[in-house]
Amino acid sequence: MEKLKFKLLIAYEGTAYQGWQVQKIGTGVQEKIEEAFGRIFPSVRRIHGSSRTDTGVHALGMVAHVEIPKSEFKMPAARLALALNALLPDDIRVLSAVRTPPDFHARFDATSKQYRYFVWNHHAMNPLLIKRAWHFPVKLDLANMRAAAKIFIGRHDFRCFAGTRSYEMESNVRTLTRCDIKKSGQQLTFIIEGDGFLYKMCRGIVGTLVQVGQGKIPLERVAEILASRDRRVAGMTAPAHGLVLWEVYYDKSRKTTSGSRKRSP
């Protein structure tokens, strides 16, 4: 059976969902999109995402791929995203759906991913960001946090920042190419980019950096924590609702970049 493969760029507000993936208990974003596909193309049972996200985490740049039997595809390709969005809840949107080569894989072809974490650092919370930023009312030492963030760049074993898993990872080594903090008024944006991430790793890094800024973890201790590979000595896990899967990158020679935004300076 001849099939057409599409690359999807997906955004969602994750408050109501137990993460991206289909769940045994609760609802994942993937499940909602698969239900929409099934109503249009009866043979489509599964879409394949580039990443997992935890309960309550958001996305602006989730990439997925899907194969649709050519015999069932009766619309112009440009209308696919519109057709899906008509069947999806308002907190999930397919931003684009484009044809892609048959050998493209949303997960295995990804070269790097960027997450952003938002902190509102003021004694009074911005009510417009209550579901999209961590309210941290204590004044933070931004210079120390930025110095600590640089320590994470490079290839390291990041198990001390990962959450407990029910399965054993083949390797806890990941490479971060970016870990910095931008400030705009009272909002802090943590930008973390790398070739892969462990379960709750970004949130463990952010929680540790915030505690450095708070003065609870000395700057000189951060390298020791990273080298310890012991979750018990690292900082807190930041809440899920401040985290956004911002973008997934692909080899540009394959013309499969997510294409939603340019890299930040």
C-alpha atoms as a PDB file:
ATOM      1  CA  MET A   1       0.000   0.000   0.000  1.00  0.00           C
ATOM      2  CA  GLU A   2       1.503   3.327  -1.042  1.00  0.00           C
ATOM      3  CA  LYS A   3       1.682   5.848   1.787  1.00  0.00           C
ATOM      4  CA  LEU A   4       2.346   9.566   2.053  1.00  0.00           C
ATOM      5  CA  LYS A   5       4.518  10.760   4.934  1.00  0.00           C
ATOM      6  CA  PHE A   6       3.934  14.121   6.583  1.00  0.00           C
ATOM      7  CA  LYS A   7       5.956  16.093   9.106  1.00  0.00           C
ATOM      8  CA  LEU A   8       3.798  17.877  11.672  1.00  0.00           C
ATOM      9  CA  LEU A   9       4.755  20.913  13.745  1.00  0.00           C
ATOM     10  CA  ILE A  10       2.610  20.921  16.885  1.00  0.00           C
ATOM     11  CA  ALA A  11       2.010  23.368  19.727  1.00  0.00           C
ATOM     12  CA  TYR A  12       0.075  22.709  22.910  1.00  0.00           C
ATOM     13  CA  GLU A  13      -0.724  24.157  26.289  1.00  0.00           C
ATOM     14  CA  GLY A  14       0.009  21.150  28.475  1.00  0.00           C
ATOM     15  CA  THR A  15      -1.934  21.973  31.638  1.00  0.00           C
ATOM     16  CA  ALA A  16      -4.746  19.514  30.932  1.00  0.00           C
ATOM     17  CA  TYR A  17      -2.549  16.642  29.721  1.00  0.00           C
ATOM     18  CA  GLN A  18      -0.341  13.932  31.197  1.00  0.00           C
ATOM     19  CA  GLY A  19       2.421  14.774  28.754  1.00  0.00           C
ATOM     20  CA  TRP A  20       2.788  14.150  25.046  1.00  0.00           C
ATOM     21  CA  GLN A  21       2.648  10.368  24.824  1.00  0.00           C
ATOM     22  CA  VAL A  22      -0.413   8.122  24.960  1.00  0.00           C
ATOM     23  CA  GLN A  23      -1.099   7.183  28.586  1.00  0.00           C
ATOM     24  CA  LYS A  24      -2.604   4.148  30.308  1.00  0.00           C
ATOM     25  CA  ILE A  25      -4.081   6.526  32.884  1.00  0.00           C
ATOM     26  CA  GLY A  26      -4.998  10.051  31.871  1.00  0.00           C
ATOM     27  CA  THR A  27      -4.815  11.723  28.468  1.00  0.00           C
ATOM     28  CA  GLY A  28      -1.756  12.529  26.397  1.00  0.00           C
ATOM     29  CA  VAL A  29      -1.594  15.113  23.611  1.00  0.00           C
ATOM     30  CA  GLN A  30      -0.616  12.376  21.148  1.00  0.00           C
ATOM     31  CA  GLU A  31      -3.897  10.571  21.834  1.00  0.00           C
ATOM     32  CA  LYS A  32      -5.973  13.629  20.927  1.00  0.00           C
ATOM     33  CA  ILE A  33      -4.138  14.110  17.636  1.00  0.00           C
ATOM     34  CA  GLU A  34      -4.434  10.421  16.761  1.00  0.00           C
ATOM     35  CA  GLU A  35      -8.171  10.588  17.398  1.00  0.00           C
ATOM     36  CA  ALA A  36      -8.421  13.520  14.984  1.00  0.00           C
ATOM     37  CA  PHE A  37      -6.438  11.636  12.345  1.00  0.00           C
ATOM     38  CA  GLY A  38      -8.632   8.575  12.794  1.00  0.00           C
ATOM     39  CA  ARG A  39     -11.759  10.570  12.050  1.00  0.00           C
ATOM     40  CA  ILE A  40     -10.318  11.758   8.720  1.00  0.00           C
ATOM     41  CA  PHE A  41      -8.169   8.753   7.752  1.00  0.00           C
ATOM     42  CA  PRO A  42      -9.540   5.507   9.230  1.00  0.00           C
ATOM     43  CA  SER A  43      -6.311   3.544   8.662  1.00  0.00           C
ATOM     44  CA  VAL A  44      -4.100   5.926  10.665  1.00  0.00           C
ATOM     45  CA  ARG A  45      -3.563   4.586  14.165  1.00  0.00           C
ATOM     46  CA  ARG A  46      -0.280   6.125  15.295  1.00  0.00           C
ATOM     47  CA  ILE A  47       1.769   9.291  14.936  1.00  0.00           C
ATOM     48  CA  HIS A  48       5.406   9.389  16.048  1.00  0.00           C
ATOM     49  CA  GLY A  49       6.710  12.306  18.109  1.00  0.00           C
ATOM     50  CA  SER A  50      10.227  13.678  18.367  1.00  0.00           C
ATOM     51  CA  SER A  51      10.147  13.896  22.171  1.00  0.00           C
ATOM     52  CA  ARG A  52       8.292  13.066  25.306  1.00  0.00           C
ATOM     53  CA  THR A  53       7.114  15.798  27.629  1.00  0.00           C
ATOM     54  CA  ASP A  54       6.039  15.449  31.258  1.00  0.00           C
ATOM     55  CA  THR A  55       2.622  16.131  32.715  1.00  0.00           C
ATOM     56  CA  GLY A  56       1.883  19.862  32.550  1.00  0.00           C
ATOM     57  CA  VAL A  57       4.777  20.739  30.205  1.00  0.00           C
ATOM     58  CA  HIS A  58       3.981  22.830  27.123  1.00  0.00           C
ATOM     59  CA  ALA A  59       5.295  22.844  23.542  1.00  0.00           C
ATOM     60  CA  LEU A  60       5.657  25.308  20.697  1.00  0.00           C
ATOM     61  CA  GLY A  61       7.905  23.149  18.538  1.00  0.00           C
ATOM     62  CA  MET A  62       6.954  19.495  18.936  1.00  0.00           C
ATOM     63  CA  VAL A  63       7.653  17.630  15.691  1.00  0.00           C
ATOM     64  CA  ALA A  64       5.908  14.402  14.720  1.00  0.00           C
ATOM     65  CA  HIS A  65       5.503  12.319  11.583  1.00  0.00           C
ATOM     66  CA  VAL A  66       2.610  10.298  10.246  1.00  0.00           C
ATOM     67  CA  GLU A  67       2.024   7.970   7.308  1.00  0.00           C
ATOM     68  CA  ILE A  68      -1.297   8.187   5.476  1.00  0.00           C
ATOM     69  CA  PRO A  69      -2.443   5.719   2.799  1.00  0.00           C
ATOM     70  CA  LYS A  70      -2.490   7.540  -0.526  1.00  0.00           C
ATOM     71  CA  SER A  71      -5.877   5.993  -1.296  1.00  0.00           C
ATOM     72  CA  GLU A  72      -7.388   7.792   1.728  1.00  0.00           C
ATOM     73  CA  PHE A  73      -5.801  11.188   1.157  1.00  0.00           C
ATOM     74  CA  LYS A  74      -8.468  13.098  -0.797  1.00  0.00           C
ATOM     75  CA  MET A  75      -7.622  16.717   0.081  1.00  0.00           C
ATOM     76  CA  PRO A  76      -4.923  19.206  -0.971  1.00  0.00           C
ATOM     77  CA  ALA A  77      -1.893  18.768   1.305  1.00  0.00           C
ATOM     78  CA  ALA A  78      -2.153  22.419   2.341  1.00  0.00           C
ATOM     79  CA  ARG A  79      -5.520  21.704   4.008  1.00  0.00           C
ATOM     80  CA  LEU A  80      -4.343  18.920   6.306  1.00  0.00           C
ATOM     81  CA  ALA A  81      -3.440  21.168   9.254  1.00  0.00           C
ATOM     82  CA  LEU A  82      -6.766  23.022   8.944  1.00  0.00           C
ATOM     83  CA  ALA A  83      -8.717  19.767   8.868  1.00  0.00           C
ATOM     84  CA  LEU A  84      -6.973  18.454  11.985  1.00  0.00           C
ATOM     85  CA  ASN A  85      -7.366  21.709  13.927  1.00  0.00           C
ATOM     86  CA  ALA A  86     -11.095  21.656  13.277  1.00  0.00           C
ATOM     87  CA  LEU A  87     -11.238  18.409  15.281  1.00  0.00           C
ATOM     88  CA  LEU A  88      -8.729  19.258  18.034  1.00  0.00           C
ATOM     89  CA  PRO A  89      -9.350  21.032  21.351  1.00  0.00           C
ATOM     90  CA  ASP A  90      -8.294  24.683  21.514  1.00  0.00           C
ATOM     91  CA  ASP A  91      -5.190  23.918  23.584  1.00  0.00           C
ATOM     92  CA  ILE A  92      -3.644  21.755  20.820  1.00  0.00           C
ATOM     93  CA  ARG A  93      -2.771  23.083  17.369  1.00  0.00           C
ATOM     94  CA  VAL A  94      -1.048  21.638  14.317  1.00  0.00           C
ATOM     95  CA  LEU A  95       0.951  24.639  13.084  1.00  0.00           C
ATOM     96  CA  SER A  96       2.004  22.977   9.839  1.00  0.00           C
ATOM     97  CA  ALA A  97       1.787  19.647   8.032  1.00  0.00           C
ATOM     98  CA  VAL A  98       4.115  19.177   5.063  1.00  0.00           C
ATOM     99  CA  ARG A  99       5.169  16.246   2.904  1.00  0.00           C
ATOM    100  CA  THR A 100       8.502  14.763   3.889  1.00  0.00           C
ATOM    101  CA  PRO A 101      10.754  12.059   2.375  1.00  0.00           C
ATOM    102  CA  PRO A 102       9.768   8.458   3.181  1.00  0.00           C
ATOM    103  CA  ASP A 103      12.868   7.886   5.314  1.00  0.00           C
ATOM    104  CA  PHE A 104      12.290  10.867   7.635  1.00  0.00           C
ATOM    105  CA  HIS A 105      11.807  10.011  11.319  1.00  0.00           C
ATOM    106  CA  ALA A 106      10.761  12.726  13.754  1.00  0.00           C
ATOM    107  CA  ARG A 107      12.626  11.203  16.685  1.00  0.00           C
ATOM    108  CA  PHE A 108      15.677   9.475  15.254  1.00  0.00           C
ATOM    109  CA  ASP A 109      16.564  12.208  12.750  1.00  0.00           C
ATOM    110  CA  ALA A 110      16.499  15.005  15.338  1.00  0.00           C
ATOM    111  CA  THR A 111      19.973  16.442  15.921  1.00  0.00           C
ATOM    112  CA  SER A 112      19.171  18.669  18.908  1.00  0.00           C
ATOM    113  CA  LYS A 113      16.331  20.158  20.928  1.00  0.00           C
ATOM    114  CA  GLN A 114      15.793  23.412  22.706  1.00  0.00           C
ATOM    115  CA  TYR A 115      13.754  23.817  25.861  1.00  0.00           C
ATOM    116  CA  ARG A 116      12.891  27.096  27.527  1.00  0.00           C
ATOM    117  CA  TYR A 117      11.906  27.552  31.123  1.00  0.00           C
ATOM    118  CA  PHE A 118      10.171  30.694  32.396  1.00  0.00           C
ATOM    119  CA  VAL A 119      10.456  32.143  35.901  1.00  0.00           C
ATOM    120  CA  TRP A 120       8.587  35.205  37.132  1.00  0.00           C
ATOM    121  CA  ASN A 121      10.948  36.702  39.724  1.00  0.00           C
ATOM    122  CA  HIS A 122       8.891  39.278  41.595  1.00  0.00           C
ATOM    123  CA  HIS A 123       7.065  39.337  44.926  1.00  0.00           C
ATOM    124  CA  ALA A 124       3.724  39.466  43.072  1.00  0.00           C
ATOM    125  CA  MET A 125       2.915  36.907  40.394  1.00  0.00           C
ATOM    126  CA  ASN A 126       1.877  38.039  36.935  1.00  0.00           C
ATOM    127  CA  PRO A 127      -1.620  36.476  36.707  1.00  0.00           C
ATOM    128  CA  LEU A 128      -1.347  36.186  32.911  1.00  0.00           C
ATOM    129  CA  LEU A 129       1.561  33.765  33.348  1.00  0.00           C
ATOM    130  CA  ILE A 130       0.190  31.696  36.207  1.00  0.00           C
ATOM    131  CA  LYS A 131       0.080  28.499  34.100  1.00  0.00           C
ATOM    132  CA  ARG A 132       3.198  29.252  32.066  1.00  0.00           C
ATOM    133  CA  ALA A 133       5.857  30.445  34.492  1.00  0.00           C
ATOM    134  CA  TRP A 134       7.215  29.472  37.904  1.00  0.00           C
ATOM    135  CA  HIS A 135       6.603  32.228  40.429  1.00  0.00           C
ATOM    136  CA  PHE A 136       9.734  32.658  42.530  1.00  0.00           C
ATOM    137  CA  PRO A 137       9.285  35.716  44.798  1.00  0.00           C
ATOM    138  CA  VAL A 138      12.784  35.785  46.327  1.00  0.00           C
ATOM    139  CA  LYS A 139      15.384  38.035  44.675  1.00  0.00           C
ATOM    140  CA  LEU A 140      17.937  35.983  42.696  1.00  0.00           C
ATOM    141  CA  ASP A 141      21.625  36.596  41.964  1.00  0.00           C
ATOM    142  CA  LEU A 142      21.584  36.519  38.166  1.00  0.00           C
ATOM    143  CA  ALA A 143      25.373  36.769  37.801  1.00  0.00           C
ATOM    144  CA  ASN A 144      25.928  33.649  39.912  1.00  0.00           C
ATOM    145  CA  MET A 145      23.190  31.779  38.058  1.00  0.00           C
ATOM    146  CA  ARG A 146      24.720  32.613  34.692  1.00  0.00           C
ATOM    147  CA  ALA A 147      28.161  31.532  35.886  1.00  0.00           C
ATOM    148  CA  ALA A 148      26.701  28.224  37.117  1.00  0.00           C
ATOM    149  CA  ALA A 149      24.821  27.685  33.848  1.00  0.00           C
ATOM    150  CA  LYS A 150      28.077  27.719  31.881  1.00  0.00           C
ATOM    151  CA  ILE A 151      29.292  24.713  33.880  1.00  0.00           C
ATOM    152  CA  PHE A 152      26.607  22.522  32.310  1.00  0.00           C
ATOM    153  CA  ILE A 153      27.697  23.190  28.723  1.00  0.00           C
ATOM    154  CA  GLY A 154      29.534  20.241  27.168  1.00  0.00           C
ATOM    155  CA  ARG A 155      29.328  16.468  27.406  1.00  0.00           C
ATOM    156  CA  HIS A 156      28.501  15.226  30.909  1.00  0.00           C
ATOM    157  CA  ASP A 157      26.708  12.507  32.838  1.00  0.00           C
ATOM    158  CA  PHE A 158      23.561  14.358  33.934  1.00  0.00           C
ATOM    159  CA  ARG A 159      22.001  11.656  36.123  1.00  0.00           C
ATOM    160  CA  CYS A 160      22.151  13.919  39.203  1.00  0.00           C
ATOM    161  CA  PHE A 161      19.503  16.160  37.619  1.00  0.00           C
ATOM    162  CA  ALA A 162      17.202  13.423  36.336  1.00  0.00           C
ATOM    163  CA  GLY A 163      14.027  12.163  37.963  1.00  0.00           C
ATOM    164  CA  THR A 164      13.550   8.591  39.143  1.00  0.00           C
ATOM    165  CA  ARG A 165      12.609   6.222  36.327  1.00  0.00           C
ATOM    166  CA  SER A 166      11.029   2.788  36.353  1.00  0.00           C
ATOM    167  CA  TYR A 167      13.580   1.649  33.754  1.00  0.00           C
ATOM    168  CA  GLU A 168      17.351   1.789  33.423  1.00  0.00           C
ATOM    169  CA  MET A 169      18.877   4.171  30.888  1.00  0.00           C
ATOM    170  CA  GLU A 170      21.559   2.824  28.575  1.00  0.00           C
ATOM    171  CA  SER A 171      23.501   6.048  29.114  1.00  0.00           C
ATOM    172  CA  ASN A 172      23.001   9.193  31.191  1.00  0.00           C
ATOM    173  CA  VAL A 173      25.546  11.141  29.146  1.00  0.00           C
ATOM    174  CA  ARG A 174      24.218  14.073  27.146  1.00  0.00           C
ATOM    175  CA  THR A 175      25.794  17.061  25.412  1.00  0.00           C
ATOM    176  CA  LEU A 176      24.493  20.556  26.077  1.00  0.00           C
ATOM    177  CA  THR A 177      25.458  23.209  23.541  1.00  0.00           C
ATOM    178  CA  ARG A 178      23.628  26.043  25.252  1.00  0.00           C
ATOM    179  CA  CYS A 179      22.605  26.854  28.798  1.00  0.00           C
ATOM    180  CA  ASP A 180      21.994  30.512  29.443  1.00  0.00           C
ATOM    181  CA  ILE A 181      19.551  32.876  31.107  1.00  0.00           C
ATOM    182  CA  LYS A 182      17.871  35.928  29.581  1.00  0.00           C
ATOM    183  CA  LYS A 183      16.218  38.644  31.673  1.00  0.00           C
ATOM    184  CA  SER A 184      13.340  40.828  30.511  1.00  0.00           C
ATOM    185  CA  GLY A 185      11.846  42.875  33.298  1.00  0.00           C
ATOM    186  CA  GLN A 186      10.789  40.416  35.990  1.00  0.00           C
ATOM    187  CA  GLN A 187      10.850  37.400  33.676  1.00  0.00           C
ATOM    188  CA  LEU A 188      13.823  35.050  33.494  1.00  0.00           C
ATOM    189  CA  THR A 189      14.093  32.709  30.514  1.00  0.00           C
ATOM    190  CA  PHE A 190      16.363  29.685  30.857  1.00  0.00           C
ATOM    191  CA  ILE A 191      17.419  28.418  27.403  1.00  0.00           C
ATOM    192  CA  ILE A 192      18.753  24.865  27.382  1.00  0.00           C
ATOM    193  CA  GLU A 193      19.761  23.179  24.147  1.00  0.00           C
ATOM    194  CA  GLY A 194      21.364  19.796  23.612  1.00  0.00           C
ATOM    195  CA  ASP A 195      21.401  16.492  21.773  1.00  0.00           C
ATOM    196  CA  GLY A 196      19.012  14.867  24.232  1.00  0.00           C
ATOM    197  CA  PHE A 197      17.541  15.099  27.718  1.00  0.00           C
ATOM    198  CA  LEU A 198      16.930  12.729  30.606  1.00  0.00           C
ATOM    199  CA  TYR A 199      13.610  12.489  32.447  1.00  0.00           C
ATOM    200  CA  LYS A 200      13.056  15.823  34.272  1.00  0.00           C
ATOM    201  CA  MET A 201      16.649  16.854  33.488  1.00  0.00           C
ATOM    202  CA  CYS A 202      15.808  20.412  32.380  1.00  0.00           C
ATOM    203  CA  ARG A 203      13.697  20.966  35.465  1.00  0.00           C
ATOM    204  CA  GLY A 204      16.475  19.634  37.707  1.00  0.00           C
ATOM    205  CA  ILE A 205      18.988  22.014  36.124  1.00  0.00           C
ATOM    206  CA  VAL A 206      16.649  25.003  36.462  1.00  0.00           C
ATOM    207  CA  GLY A 207      15.810  24.158  40.075  1.00  0.00           C
ATOM    208  CA  THR A 208      19.513  23.921  40.907  1.00  0.00           C
ATOM    209  CA  LEU A 209      20.310  27.221  39.169  1.00  0.00           C
ATOM    210  CA  VAL A 210      17.494  28.977  41.027  1.00  0.00           C
ATOM    211  CA  GLN A 211      18.877  27.701  44.332  1.00  0.00           C
ATOM    212  CA  VAL A 212      22.299  29.025  43.307  1.00  0.00           C
ATOM    213  CA  GLY A 213      20.659  32.396  42.701  1.00  0.00           C
ATOM    214  CA  GLN A 214      18.934  32.153  46.059  1.00  0.00           C
ATOM    215  CA  GLY A 215      22.242  31.465  47.807  1.00  0.00           C
ATOM    216  CA  LYS A 216      21.256  28.010  49.032  1.00  0.00           C
ATOM    217  CA  ILE A 217      23.773  26.281  46.752  1.00  0.00           C
ATOM    218  CA  PRO A 218      27.221  27.935  46.518  1.00  0.00           C
ATOM    219  CA  LEU A 219      28.467  28.560  42.988  1.00  0.00           C
ATOM    220  CA  GLU A 220      31.656  26.594  43.686  1.00  0.00           C
ATOM    221  CA  ARG A 221      29.573  23.521  44.556  1.00  0.00           C
ATOM    222  CA  VAL A 222      27.895  23.210  41.152  1.00  0.00           C
ATOM    223  CA  ALA A 223      30.770  21.415  39.405  1.00  0.00           C
ATOM    224  CA  GLU A 224      30.993  18.991  42.350  1.00  0.00           C
ATOM    225  CA  ILE A 225      27.249  18.284  42.135  1.00  0.00           C
ATOM    226  CA  LEU A 226      27.513  17.553  38.419  1.00  0.00           C
ATOM    227  CA  ALA A 227      30.460  15.218  38.986  1.00  0.00           C
ATOM    228  CA  SER A 228      28.726  13.407  41.863  1.00  0.00           C
ATOM    229  CA  ARG A 229      26.082  11.761  39.623  1.00  0.00           C
ATOM    230  CA  ASP A 230      23.901  11.717  42.755  1.00  0.00           C
ATOM    231  CA  ARG A 231      20.406  13.226  42.557  1.00  0.00           C
ATOM    232  CA  ARG A 232      20.315  13.667  46.308  1.00  0.00           C
ATOM    233  CA  VAL A 233      22.963  16.400  46.305  1.00  0.00           C
ATOM    234  CA  ALA A 234      21.525  18.482  43.452  1.00  0.00           C
ATOM    235  CA  GLY A 235      18.850  21.141  43.757  1.00  0.00           C
ATOM    236  CA  MET A 236      15.076  20.977  43.568  1.00  0.00           C
ATOM    237  CA  THR A 237      13.057  19.966  40.511  1.00  0.00           C
ATOM    238  CA  ALA A 238      11.390  23.054  39.084  1.00  0.00           C
ATOM    239  CA  PRO A 239       7.604  22.813  38.524  1.00  0.00           C
ATOM    240  CA  ALA A 240       6.464  21.442  35.157  1.00  0.00           C
ATOM    241  CA  HIS A 241       4.291  24.374  34.095  1.00  0.00           C
ATOM    242  CA  GLY A 242       7.232  26.697  33.406  1.00  0.00           C
ATOM    243  CA  LEU A 243       8.787  24.399  30.788  1.00  0.00           C
ATOM    244  CA  VAL A 244       8.253  24.588  27.023  1.00  0.00           C
ATOM    245  CA  LEU A 245       9.657  22.340  24.296  1.00  0.00           C
ATOM    246  CA  TRP A 246      10.653  25.262  22.111  1.00  0.00           C
ATOM    247  CA  GLU A 247      12.164  23.731  18.984  1.00  0.00           C
ATOM    248  CA  VAL A 248      13.504  20.512  17.495  1.00  0.00           C
ATOM    249  CA  TYR A 249      16.367  20.770  15.023  1.00  0.00           C
ATOM    250  CA  TYR A 250      17.222  18.555  12.075  1.00  0.00           C
ATOM    251  CA  ASP A 251      20.067  18.320   9.582  1.00  0.00           C
ATOM    252  CA  LYS A 252      19.403  21.235   7.233  1.00  0.00           C
ATOM    253  CA  SER A 253      20.703  19.273   4.258  1.00  0.00           C
ATOM    254  CA  ARG A 254      17.595  17.067   4.594  1.00  0.00           C
ATOM    255  CA  LYS A 255      15.324  20.128   4.590  1.00  0.00           C
ATOM    256  CA  THR A 256      13.457  18.822   7.614  1.00  0.00           C
ATOM    257  CA  THR A 257      13.967  21.610  10.163  1.00  0.00           C
ATOM    258  CA  SER A 258      10.868  22.421  12.145  1.00  0.00           C
ATOM    259  CA  GLY A 259      10.930  25.861  10.590  1.00  0.00           C
ATOM    260  CA  SER A 260       8.796  27.645  13.166  1.00  0.00           C
ATOM    261  CA  ARG A 261      11.417  30.048  14.486  1.00  0.00           C
ATOM    262  CA  LYS A 262      14.944  31.165  13.835  1.00  0.00           C
ATOM    263  CA  ARG A 263      17.584  30.289  16.368  1.00  0.00           C
ATOM    264  CA  SER A 264      17.859  32.915  19.079  1.00  0.00           C
ATOM    265  CA  PRO A 265      21.051  34.971  19.182  1.00  0.00           C
END
